[in-house]
Amino acid sequence: MSQKRTVEVFTAGCPVCEDTVKQVQKAACSSCEVIVYDLNKGCETNECRDKAKEYGVKSVPAVAIDGKLASCCTSGGVDIETLKKAGLGQLI
């Protein structure tokens, strides 16, 4: 069993967020486990909102890779190239 990179996408279930989810899923590789959290709906254990707070998510969509909010998501939006530099789509 190989190790997976955890890619967490935080959304509000809106069309802009859904486009980002599709882009991240398309750019992901077999070493990436993409998890989508809809903060608008929440989740059973509130894990998604707790993680968003822990990572410092201030706006959505936002992406964290291996437990760290991607730099493009700290000041204005998701950038696929920045996510790729953080490991998205790269085999482990």
PDB file of N, CA and C in Angstrom:
ATOM      1  N   MET A   1       0.843  -1.186   0.000  1.00  0.00           N
ATOM      2  CA  MET A   1       0.000   0.000   0.000  1.00  0.00           C
ATOM      3  C   MET A   1       0.881   1.239   0.000  1.00  0.00           C
ATOM      4  N   SER A   2       0.617   2.153  -0.903  1.00  0.00           N
ATOM      5  CA  SER A   2       1.446   3.343  -0.996  1.00  0.00           C
ATOM      6  C   SER A   2       0.821   4.509  -0.240  1.00  0.00           C
ATOM      7  N   GLN A   3       1.678   5.436   0.132  1.00  0.00           N
ATOM      8  CA  GLN A   3       1.244   6.631   0.846  1.00  0.00           C
ATOM      9  C   GLN A   3       0.506   7.558  -0.117  1.00  0.00           C
ATOM     10  N   LYS A   4      -0.497   8.251   0.380  1.00  0.00           N
ATOM     11  CA  LYS A   4      -1.271   9.192  -0.427  1.00  0.00           C
ATOM     12  C   LYS A   4      -1.064  10.607   0.091  1.00  0.00           C
ATOM     13  N   ARG A   5      -1.090  11.556  -0.820  1.00  0.00           N
ATOM     14  CA  ARG A   5      -1.079  12.975  -0.473  1.00  0.00           C
ATOM     15  C   ARG A   5      -2.534  13.361  -0.215  1.00  0.00           C
ATOM     16  N   THR A   6      -2.808  14.018   0.892  1.00  0.00           N
ATOM     17  CA  THR A   6      -4.167  14.439   1.224  1.00  0.00           C
ATOM     18  C   THR A   6      -4.413  15.833   0.675  1.00  0.00           C
ATOM     19  N   VAL A   7      -5.418  15.943  -0.182  1.00  0.00           N
ATOM     20  CA  VAL A   7      -5.801  17.217  -0.788  1.00  0.00           C
ATOM     21  C   VAL A   7      -7.227  17.507  -0.324  1.00  0.00           C
ATOM     22  N   GLU A   8      -7.370  18.544   0.509  1.00  0.00           N
ATOM     23  CA  GLU A   8      -8.673  18.900   1.053  1.00  0.00           C
ATOM     24  C   GLU A   8      -9.171  20.177   0.391  1.00  0.00           C
ATOM     25  N   VAL A   9     -10.369  20.098  -0.186  1.00  0.00           N
ATOM     26  CA  VAL A   9     -10.959  21.249  -0.861  1.00  0.00           C
ATOM     27  C   VAL A   9     -12.129  21.725  -0.013  1.00  0.00           C
ATOM     28  N   PHE A  10     -12.081  22.975   0.402  1.00  0.00           N
ATOM     29  CA  PHE A  10     -13.138  23.572   1.211  1.00  0.00           C
ATOM     30  C   PHE A  10     -14.019  24.423   0.298  1.00  0.00           C
ATOM     31  N   THR A  11     -15.329  24.153   0.332  1.00  0.00           N
ATOM     32  CA  THR A  11     -16.264  24.845  -0.555  1.00  0.00           C
ATOM     33  C   THR A  11     -17.471  25.343   0.230  1.00  0.00           C
ATOM     34  N   ALA A  12     -18.321  26.071  -0.479  1.00  0.00           N
ATOM     35  CA  ALA A  12     -19.617  26.482   0.064  1.00  0.00           C
ATOM     36  C   ALA A  12     -20.727  25.931  -0.817  1.00  0.00           C
ATOM     37  N   GLY A  13     -20.382  24.986  -1.696  1.00  0.00           N
ATOM     38  CA  GLY A  13     -21.373  24.377  -2.571  1.00  0.00           C
ATOM     39  C   GLY A  13     -21.823  25.273  -3.711  1.00  0.00           C
ATOM     40  N   CYS A  14     -21.094  26.328  -3.980  1.00  0.00           N
ATOM     41  CA  CYS A  14     -21.482  27.278  -5.033  1.00  0.00           C
ATOM     42  C   CYS A  14     -20.846  26.892  -6.372  1.00  0.00           C
ATOM     43  N   PRO A  15     -21.334  27.467  -7.487  1.00  0.00           N
ATOM     44  CA  PRO A  15     -20.767  27.143  -8.799  1.00  0.00           C
ATOM     45  C   PRO A  15     -19.267  27.436  -8.915  1.00  0.00           C
ATOM     46  N   VAL A  16     -18.797  28.512  -8.322  1.00  0.00           N
ATOM     47  CA  VAL A  16     -17.366  28.833  -8.377  1.00  0.00           C
ATOM     48  C   VAL A  16     -16.575  27.747  -7.653  1.00  0.00           C
ATOM     49  N   CYS A  17     -17.081  27.324  -6.517  1.00  0.00           N
ATOM     50  CA  CYS A  17     -16.411  26.265  -5.759  1.00  0.00           C
ATOM     51  C   CYS A  17     -16.408  24.958  -6.535  1.00  0.00           C
ATOM     52  N   GLU A  18     -17.513  24.639  -7.169  1.00  0.00           N
ATOM     53  CA  GLU A  18     -17.616  23.387  -7.922  1.00  0.00           C
ATOM     54  C   GLU A  18     -16.621  23.365  -9.080  1.00  0.00           C
ATOM     55  N   ASP A  19     -16.395  24.502  -9.711  1.00  0.00           N
ATOM     56  CA  ASP A  19     -15.406  24.584 -10.784  1.00  0.00           C
ATOM     57  C   ASP A  19     -14.014  24.284 -10.236  1.00  0.00           C
ATOM     58  N   THR A  20     -13.700  24.818  -9.068  1.00  0.00           N
ATOM     59  CA  THR A  20     -12.410  24.549  -8.443  1.00  0.00           C
ATOM     60  C   THR A  20     -12.271  23.075  -8.087  1.00  0.00           C
ATOM     61  N   VAL A  21     -13.333  22.470  -7.560  1.00  0.00           N
ATOM     62  CA  VAL A  21     -13.305  21.043  -7.233  1.00  0.00           C
ATOM     63  C   VAL A  21     -12.970  20.234  -8.482  1.00  0.00           C
ATOM     64  N   LYS A  22     -13.615  20.557  -9.593  1.00  0.00           N
ATOM     65  CA  LYS A  22     -13.360  19.840 -10.856  1.00  0.00           C
ATOM     66  C   LYS A  22     -11.913  20.017 -11.303  1.00  0.00           C
ATOM     67  N   GLN A  23     -11.382  21.241 -11.190  1.00  0.00           N
ATOM     68  CA  GLN A  23      -9.996  21.503 -11.594  1.00  0.00           C
ATOM     69  C   GLN A  23      -9.014  20.704 -10.729  1.00  0.00           C
ATOM     70  N   VAL A  24      -9.256  20.692  -9.424  1.00  0.00           N
ATOM     71  CA  VAL A  24      -8.370  19.966  -8.514  1.00  0.00           C
ATOM     72  C   VAL A  24      -8.449  18.470  -8.802  1.00  0.00           C
ATOM     73  N   GLN A  25      -9.642  17.944  -8.981  1.00  0.00           N
ATOM     74  CA  GLN A  25      -9.793  16.520  -9.271  1.00  0.00           C
ATOM     75  C   GLN A  25      -9.121  16.149 -10.590  1.00  0.00           C
ATOM     76  N   LYS A  26      -9.203  17.027 -11.577  1.00  0.00           N
ATOM     77  CA  LYS A  26      -8.578  16.771 -12.877  1.00  0.00           C
ATOM     78  C   LYS A  26      -7.051  16.786 -12.757  1.00  0.00           C
ATOM     79  N   ALA A  27      -6.524  17.686 -11.931  1.00  0.00           N
ATOM     80  CA  ALA A  27      -5.071  17.816 -11.783  1.00  0.00           C
ATOM     81  C   ALA A  27      -4.486  16.753 -10.849  1.00  0.00           C
ATOM     82  N   ALA A  28      -5.317  16.123 -10.044  1.00  0.00           N
ATOM     83  CA  ALA A  28      -4.843  15.120  -9.080  1.00  0.00           C
ATOM     84  C   ALA A  28      -4.328  13.871  -9.795  1.00  0.00           C
ATOM     85  N   CYS A  29      -3.460  13.163  -9.110  1.00  0.00           N
ATOM     86  CA  CYS A  29      -2.916  11.917  -9.652  1.00  0.00           C
ATOM     87  C   CYS A  29      -3.257  10.763  -8.716  1.00  0.00           C
ATOM     88  N   SER A  30      -2.741   9.605  -9.015  1.00  0.00           N
ATOM     89  CA  SER A  30      -3.046   8.425  -8.202  1.00  0.00           C
ATOM     90  C   SER A  30      -2.466   8.515  -6.793  1.00  0.00           C
ATOM     91  N   SER A  31      -1.545   9.434  -6.550  1.00  0.00           N
ATOM     92  CA  SER A  31      -0.987   9.629  -5.213  1.00  0.00           C
ATOM     93  C   SER A  31      -1.774  10.647  -4.396  1.00  0.00           C
ATOM     94  N   CYS A  32      -2.820  11.220  -4.992  1.00  0.00           N
ATOM     95  CA  CYS A  32      -3.616  12.246  -4.321  1.00  0.00           C
ATOM     96  C   CYS A  32      -4.963  11.684  -3.883  1.00  0.00           C
ATOM     97  N   GLU A  33      -5.290  11.909  -2.625  1.00  0.00           N
ATOM     98  CA  GLU A  33      -6.624  11.597  -2.131  1.00  0.00           C
ATOM     99  C   GLU A  33      -7.347  12.925  -1.948  1.00  0.00           C
ATOM    100  N   VAL A  34      -8.305  13.207  -2.837  1.00  0.00           N
ATOM    101  CA  VAL A  34      -9.030  14.471  -2.806  1.00  0.00           C
ATOM    102  C   VAL A  34     -10.275  14.310  -1.934  1.00  0.00           C
ATOM    103  N   ILE A  35     -10.379  15.169  -0.922  1.00  0.00           N
ATOM    104  CA  ILE A  35     -11.526  15.188  -0.020  1.00  0.00           C
ATOM    105  C   ILE A  35     -12.183  16.557  -0.153  1.00  0.00           C
ATOM    106  N   VAL A  36     -13.485  16.570  -0.396  1.00  0.00           N
ATOM    107  CA  VAL A  36     -14.215  17.826  -0.564  1.00  0.00           C
ATOM    108  C   VAL A  36     -15.090  18.058   0.664  1.00  0.00           C
ATOM    109  N   TYR A  37     -14.928  19.225   1.275  1.00  0.00           N
ATOM    110  CA  TYR A  37     -15.740  19.616   2.427  1.00  0.00           C
ATOM    111  C   TYR A  37     -16.628  20.788   2.036  1.00  0.00           C
ATOM    112  N   ASP A  38     -17.942  20.615   2.138  1.00  0.00           N
ATOM    113  CA  ASP A  38     -18.894  21.704   1.902  1.00  0.00           C
ATOM    114  C   ASP A  38     -19.174  22.350   3.251  1.00  0.00           C
ATOM    115  N   LEU A  39     -18.566  23.495   3.492  1.00  0.00           N
ATOM    116  CA  LEU A  39     -18.708  24.157   4.784  1.00  0.00           C
ATOM    117  C   LEU A  39     -20.119  24.690   5.003  1.00  0.00           C
ATOM    118  N   ASN A  40     -20.843  24.907   3.928  1.00  0.00           N
ATOM    119  CA  ASN A  40     -22.223  25.365   4.040  1.00  0.00           C
ATOM    120  C   ASN A  40     -23.098  24.278   4.664  1.00  0.00           C
ATOM    121  N   LYS A  41     -22.897  23.043   4.233  1.00  0.00           N
ATOM    122  CA  LYS A  41     -23.655  21.909   4.764  1.00  0.00           C
ATOM    123  C   LYS A  41     -23.085  21.421   6.089  1.00  0.00           C
ATOM    124  N   GLY A  42     -21.773  21.557   6.244  1.00  0.00           N
ATOM    125  CA  GLY A  42     -21.121  21.011   7.429  1.00  0.00           C
ATOM    126  C   GLY A  42     -20.922  19.514   7.278  1.00  0.00           C
ATOM    127  N   CYS A  43     -20.489  18.871   8.334  1.00  0.00           N
ATOM    128  CA  CYS A  43     -20.317  17.427   8.324  1.00  0.00           C
ATOM    129  C   CYS A  43     -20.722  16.890   9.690  1.00  0.00           C
ATOM    130  N   GLU A  44     -20.955  15.605   9.757  1.00  0.00           N
ATOM    131  CA  GLU A  44     -21.478  14.976  10.980  1.00  0.00           C
ATOM    132  C   GLU A  44     -20.678  15.319  12.227  1.00  0.00           C
ATOM    133  N   THR A  45     -19.374  15.261  12.130  1.00  0.00           N
ATOM    134  CA  THR A  45     -18.535  15.456  13.308  1.00  0.00           C
ATOM    135  C   THR A  45     -18.024  16.889  13.444  1.00  0.00           C
ATOM    136  N   ASN A  46     -18.363  17.763  12.524  1.00  0.00           N
ATOM    137  CA  ASN A  46     -17.886  19.146  12.458  1.00  0.00           C
ATOM    138  C   ASN A  46     -16.392  19.212  12.142  1.00  0.00           C
ATOM    139  N   GLU A  47     -15.819  18.071  11.717  1.00  0.00           N
ATOM    140  CA  GLU A  47     -14.406  18.001  11.366  1.00  0.00           C
ATOM    141  C   GLU A  47     -14.062  19.023  10.274  1.00  0.00           C
ATOM    142  N   CYS A  48     -14.932  19.173   9.301  1.00  0.00           N
ATOM    143  CA  CYS A  48     -14.630  20.067   8.181  1.00  0.00           C
ATOM    144  C   CYS A  48     -14.483  21.518   8.641  1.00  0.00           C
ATOM    145  N   ARG A  49     -15.368  21.971   9.488  1.00  0.00           N
ATOM    146  CA  ARG A  49     -15.283  23.353   9.977  1.00  0.00           C
ATOM    147  C   ARG A  49     -14.107  23.528  10.931  1.00  0.00           C
ATOM    148  N   ASP A  50     -13.833  22.510  11.727  1.00  0.00           N
ATOM    149  CA  ASP A  50     -12.673  22.566  12.627  1.00  0.00           C
ATOM    150  C   ASP A  50     -11.378  22.663  11.820  1.00  0.00           C
ATOM    151  N   LYS A  51     -11.269  21.850  10.766  1.00  0.00           N
ATOM    152  CA  LYS A  51     -10.068  21.885   9.924  1.00  0.00           C
ATOM    153  C   LYS A  51      -9.938  23.231   9.224  1.00  0.00           C
ATOM    154  N   ALA A  52     -11.039  23.763   8.722  1.00  0.00           N
ATOM    155  CA  ALA A  52     -11.003  25.066   8.050  1.00  0.00           C
ATOM    156  C   ALA A  52     -10.471  26.133   9.004  1.00  0.00           C
ATOM    157  N   LYS A  53     -10.922  26.096  10.228  1.00  0.00           N
ATOM    158  CA  LYS A  53     -10.458  27.063  11.229  1.00  0.00           C
ATOM    159  C   LYS A  53      -8.980  26.841  11.537  1.00  0.00           C
ATOM    160  N   GLU A  54      -8.602  25.568  11.733  1.00  0.00           N
ATOM    161  CA  GLU A  54      -7.207  25.229  12.039  1.00  0.00           C
ATOM    162  C   GLU A  54      -6.264  25.680  10.927  1.00  0.00           C
ATOM    163  N   TYR A  55      -6.666  25.486   9.680  1.00  0.00           N
ATOM    164  CA  TYR A  55      -5.818  25.848   8.535  1.00  0.00           C
ATOM    165  C   TYR A  55      -5.838  27.344   8.233  1.00  0.00           C
ATOM    166  N   GLY A  56      -6.787  28.073   8.807  1.00  0.00           N
ATOM    167  CA  GLY A  56      -6.869  29.507   8.549  1.00  0.00           C
ATOM    168  C   GLY A  56      -7.640  29.869   7.291  1.00  0.00           C
ATOM    169  N   VAL A  57      -8.593  29.034   6.904  1.00  0.00           N
ATOM    170  CA  VAL A  57      -9.409  29.320   5.724  1.00  0.00           C
ATOM    171  C   VAL A  57     -10.252  30.555   6.014  1.00  0.00           C
ATOM    172  N   LYS A  58     -10.114  31.569   5.171  1.00  0.00           N
ATOM    173  CA  LYS A  58     -10.862  32.816   5.327  1.00  0.00           C
ATOM    174  C   LYS A  58     -11.885  33.010   4.222  1.00  0.00           C
ATOM    175  N   SER A  59     -11.691  32.309   3.110  1.00  0.00           N
ATOM    176  CA  SER A  59     -12.626  32.393   1.997  1.00  0.00           C
ATOM    177  C   SER A  59     -12.610  31.060   1.260  1.00  0.00           C
ATOM    178  N   VAL A  60     -13.664  30.800   0.536  1.00  0.00           N
ATOM    179  CA  VAL A  60     -13.769  29.562  -0.233  1.00  0.00           C
ATOM    180  C   VAL A  60     -13.995  29.897  -1.694  1.00  0.00           C
ATOM    181  N   PRO A  61     -13.564  29.054  -2.599  1.00  0.00           N
ATOM    182  CA  PRO A  61     -12.923  27.775  -2.361  1.00  0.00           C
ATOM    183  C   PRO A  61     -11.495  27.945  -1.835  1.00  0.00           C
ATOM    184  N   ALA A  62     -11.063  26.946  -1.101  1.00  0.00           N
ATOM    185  CA  ALA A  62      -9.705  26.917  -0.571  1.00  0.00           C
ATOM    186  C   ALA A  62      -9.225  25.467  -0.591  1.00  0.00           C
ATOM    187  N   VAL A  63      -7.906  25.299  -0.721  1.00  0.00           N
ATOM    188  CA  VAL A  63      -7.335  23.963  -0.812  1.00  0.00           C
ATOM    189  C   VAL A  63      -6.164  23.839   0.161  1.00  0.00           C
ATOM    190  N   ALA A  64      -6.170  22.745   0.905  1.00  0.00           N
ATOM    191  CA  ALA A  64      -5.044  22.408   1.778  1.00  0.00           C
ATOM    192  C   ALA A  64      -4.433  21.114   1.253  1.00  0.00           C
ATOM    193  N   ILE A  65      -3.119  21.068   1.233  1.00  0.00           N
ATOM    194  CA  ILE A  65      -2.407  19.871   0.787  1.00  0.00           C
ATOM    195  C   ILE A  65      -1.541  19.399   1.944  1.00  0.00           C
ATOM    196  N   ASP A  66      -1.761  18.152   2.328  1.00  0.00           N
ATOM    197  CA  ASP A  66      -1.058  17.539   3.451  1.00  0.00           C
ATOM    198  C   ASP A  66      -1.125  18.414   4.707  1.00  0.00           C
ATOM    199  N   GLY A  67      -2.321  18.927   4.998  1.00  0.00           N
ATOM    200  CA  GLY A  67      -2.548  19.662   6.236  1.00  0.00           C
ATOM    201  C   GLY A  67      -2.117  21.100   6.247  1.00  0.00           C
ATOM    202  N   LYS A  68      -1.743  21.648   5.083  1.00  0.00           N
ATOM    203  CA  LYS A  68      -1.294  23.032   5.015  1.00  0.00           C
ATOM    204  C   LYS A  68      -2.063  23.763   3.929  1.00  0.00           C
ATOM    205  N   LEU A  69      -2.657  24.897   4.298  1.00  0.00           N
ATOM    206  CA  LEU A  69      -3.392  25.706   3.342  1.00  0.00           C
ATOM    207  C   LEU A  69      -2.432  26.195   2.262  1.00  0.00           C
ATOM    208  N   ALA A  70      -2.795  25.960   1.003  1.00  0.00           N
ATOM    209  CA  ALA A  70      -1.937  26.386  -0.114  1.00  0.00           C
ATOM    210  C   ALA A  70      -1.805  27.907  -0.116  1.00  0.00           C
ATOM    211  N   SER A  71      -0.630  28.388  -0.459  1.00  0.00           N
ATOM    212  CA  SER A  71      -0.364  29.827  -0.406  1.00  0.00           C
ATOM    213  C   SER A  71      -1.331  30.631  -1.262  1.00  0.00           C
ATOM    214  N   CYS A  72      -1.808  30.051  -2.361  1.00  0.00           N
ATOM    215  CA  CYS A  72      -2.745  30.773  -3.219  1.00  0.00           C
ATOM    216  C   CYS A  72      -4.095  30.971  -2.536  1.00  0.00           C
ATOM    217  N   CYS A  73      -4.349  30.216  -1.494  1.00  0.00           N
ATOM    218  CA  CYS A  73      -5.641  30.274  -0.810  1.00  0.00           C
ATOM    219  C   CYS A  73      -5.613  31.162   0.428  1.00  0.00           C
ATOM    220  N   THR A  74      -4.464  31.754   0.707  1.00  0.00           N
ATOM    221  CA  THR A  74      -4.366  32.630   1.871  1.00  0.00           C
ATOM    222  C   THR A  74      -4.628  34.081   1.512  1.00  0.00           C
ATOM    223  N   SER A  75      -4.633  34.375   0.208  1.00  0.00           N
ATOM    224  CA  SER A  75      -4.793  35.788  -0.166  1.00  0.00           C
ATOM    225  C   SER A  75      -5.479  35.969  -1.508  1.00  0.00           C
ATOM    226  N   GLY A  76      -6.602  35.307  -1.711  1.00  0.00           N
ATOM    227  CA  GLY A  76      -7.349  35.679  -2.882  1.00  0.00           C
ATOM    228  C   GLY A  76      -7.818  34.610  -3.832  1.00  0.00           C
ATOM    229  N   GLY A  77      -7.502  33.381  -3.660  1.00  0.00           N
ATOM    230  CA  GLY A  77      -8.086  32.399  -4.549  1.00  0.00           C
ATOM    231  C   GLY A  77      -7.159  31.267  -4.930  1.00  0.00           C
ATOM    232  N   VAL A  78      -7.755  30.240  -5.465  1.00  0.00           N
ATOM    233  CA  VAL A  78      -7.046  29.033  -5.851  1.00  0.00           C
ATOM    234  C   VAL A  78      -6.306  29.258  -7.166  1.00  0.00           C
ATOM    235  N   ASP A  79      -5.055  28.787  -7.215  1.00  0.00           N
ATOM    236  CA  ASP A  79      -4.257  28.833  -8.426  1.00  0.00           C
ATOM    237  C   ASP A  79      -3.684  27.434  -8.636  1.00  0.00           C
ATOM    238  N   ILE A  80      -4.103  26.769  -9.709  1.00  0.00           N
ATOM    239  CA  ILE A  80      -3.704  25.381  -9.952  1.00  0.00           C
ATOM    240  C   ILE A  80      -2.184  25.232 -10.015  1.00  0.00           C
ATOM    241  N   GLU A  81      -1.486  26.165 -10.608  1.00  0.00           N
ATOM    242  CA  GLU A  81      -0.022  26.058 -10.707  1.00  0.00           C
ATOM    243  C   GLU A  81       0.616  26.083  -9.318  1.00  0.00           C
ATOM    244  N   THR A  82       0.111  26.920  -8.431  1.00  0.00           N
ATOM    245  CA  THR A  82       0.621  26.952  -7.063  1.00  0.00           C
ATOM    246  C   THR A  82       0.335  25.628  -6.368  1.00  0.00           C
ATOM    247  N   LEU A  83      -0.847  25.066  -6.604  1.00  0.00           N
ATOM    248  CA  LEU A  83      -1.194  23.777  -6.011  1.00  0.00           C
ATOM    249  C   LEU A  83      -0.277  22.672  -6.527  1.00  0.00           C
ATOM    250  N   LYS A  84       0.046  22.708  -7.809  1.00  0.00           N
ATOM    251  CA  LYS A  84       0.959  21.707  -8.369  1.00  0.00           C
ATOM    252  C   LYS A  84       2.333  21.809  -7.726  1.00  0.00           C
ATOM    253  N   LYS A  85       2.803  23.048  -7.459  1.00  0.00           N
ATOM    254  CA  LYS A  85       4.091  23.232  -6.794  1.00  0.00           C
ATOM    255  C   LYS A  85       4.061  22.689  -5.368  1.00  0.00           C
ATOM    256  N   ALA A  86       2.852  22.663  -4.764  1.00  0.00           N
ATOM    257  CA  ALA A  86       2.684  22.139  -3.410  1.00  0.00           C
ATOM    258  C   ALA A  86       2.533  20.621  -3.405  1.00  0.00           C
ATOM    259  N   GLY A  87       2.451  20.009  -4.595  1.00  0.00           N
ATOM    260  CA  GLY A  87       2.416  18.558  -4.675  1.00  0.00           C
ATOM    261  C   GLY A  87       1.224  17.958  -5.385  1.00  0.00           C
ATOM    262  N   LEU A  88       0.208  18.744  -5.731  1.00  0.00           N
ATOM    263  CA  LEU A  88      -0.962  18.214  -6.428  1.00  0.00           C
ATOM    264  C   LEU A  88      -0.545  17.593  -7.756  1.00  0.00           C
ATOM    265  N   GLY A  89      -0.961  16.375  -7.979  1.00  0.00           N
ATOM    266  CA  GLY A  89      -0.697  15.695  -9.255  1.00  0.00           C
ATOM    267  C   GLY A  89       0.689  15.091  -9.371  1.00  0.00           C
ATOM    268  N   GLN A  90       1.429  15.047  -8.285  1.00  0.00           N
ATOM    269  CA  GLN A  90       2.785  14.481  -8.323  1.00  0.00           C
ATOM    270  C   GLN A  90       2.803  13.166  -7.564  1.00  0.00           C
ATOM    271  N   LEU A  91       3.294  12.149  -8.205  1.00  0.00           N
ATOM    272  CA  LEU A  91       3.394  10.842  -7.565  1.00  0.00           C
ATOM    273  C   LEU A  91       4.319  10.912  -6.374  1.00  0.00           C
ATOM    274  N   ILE A  92       3.984  10.131  -5.374  1.00  0.00           N
ATOM    275  CA  ILE A  92       4.824  10.098  -4.155  1.00  0.00           C
ATOM    276  C   ILE A  92       5.823   8.967  -4.300  1.00  0.00           C
TER     277      ILE A  92
END
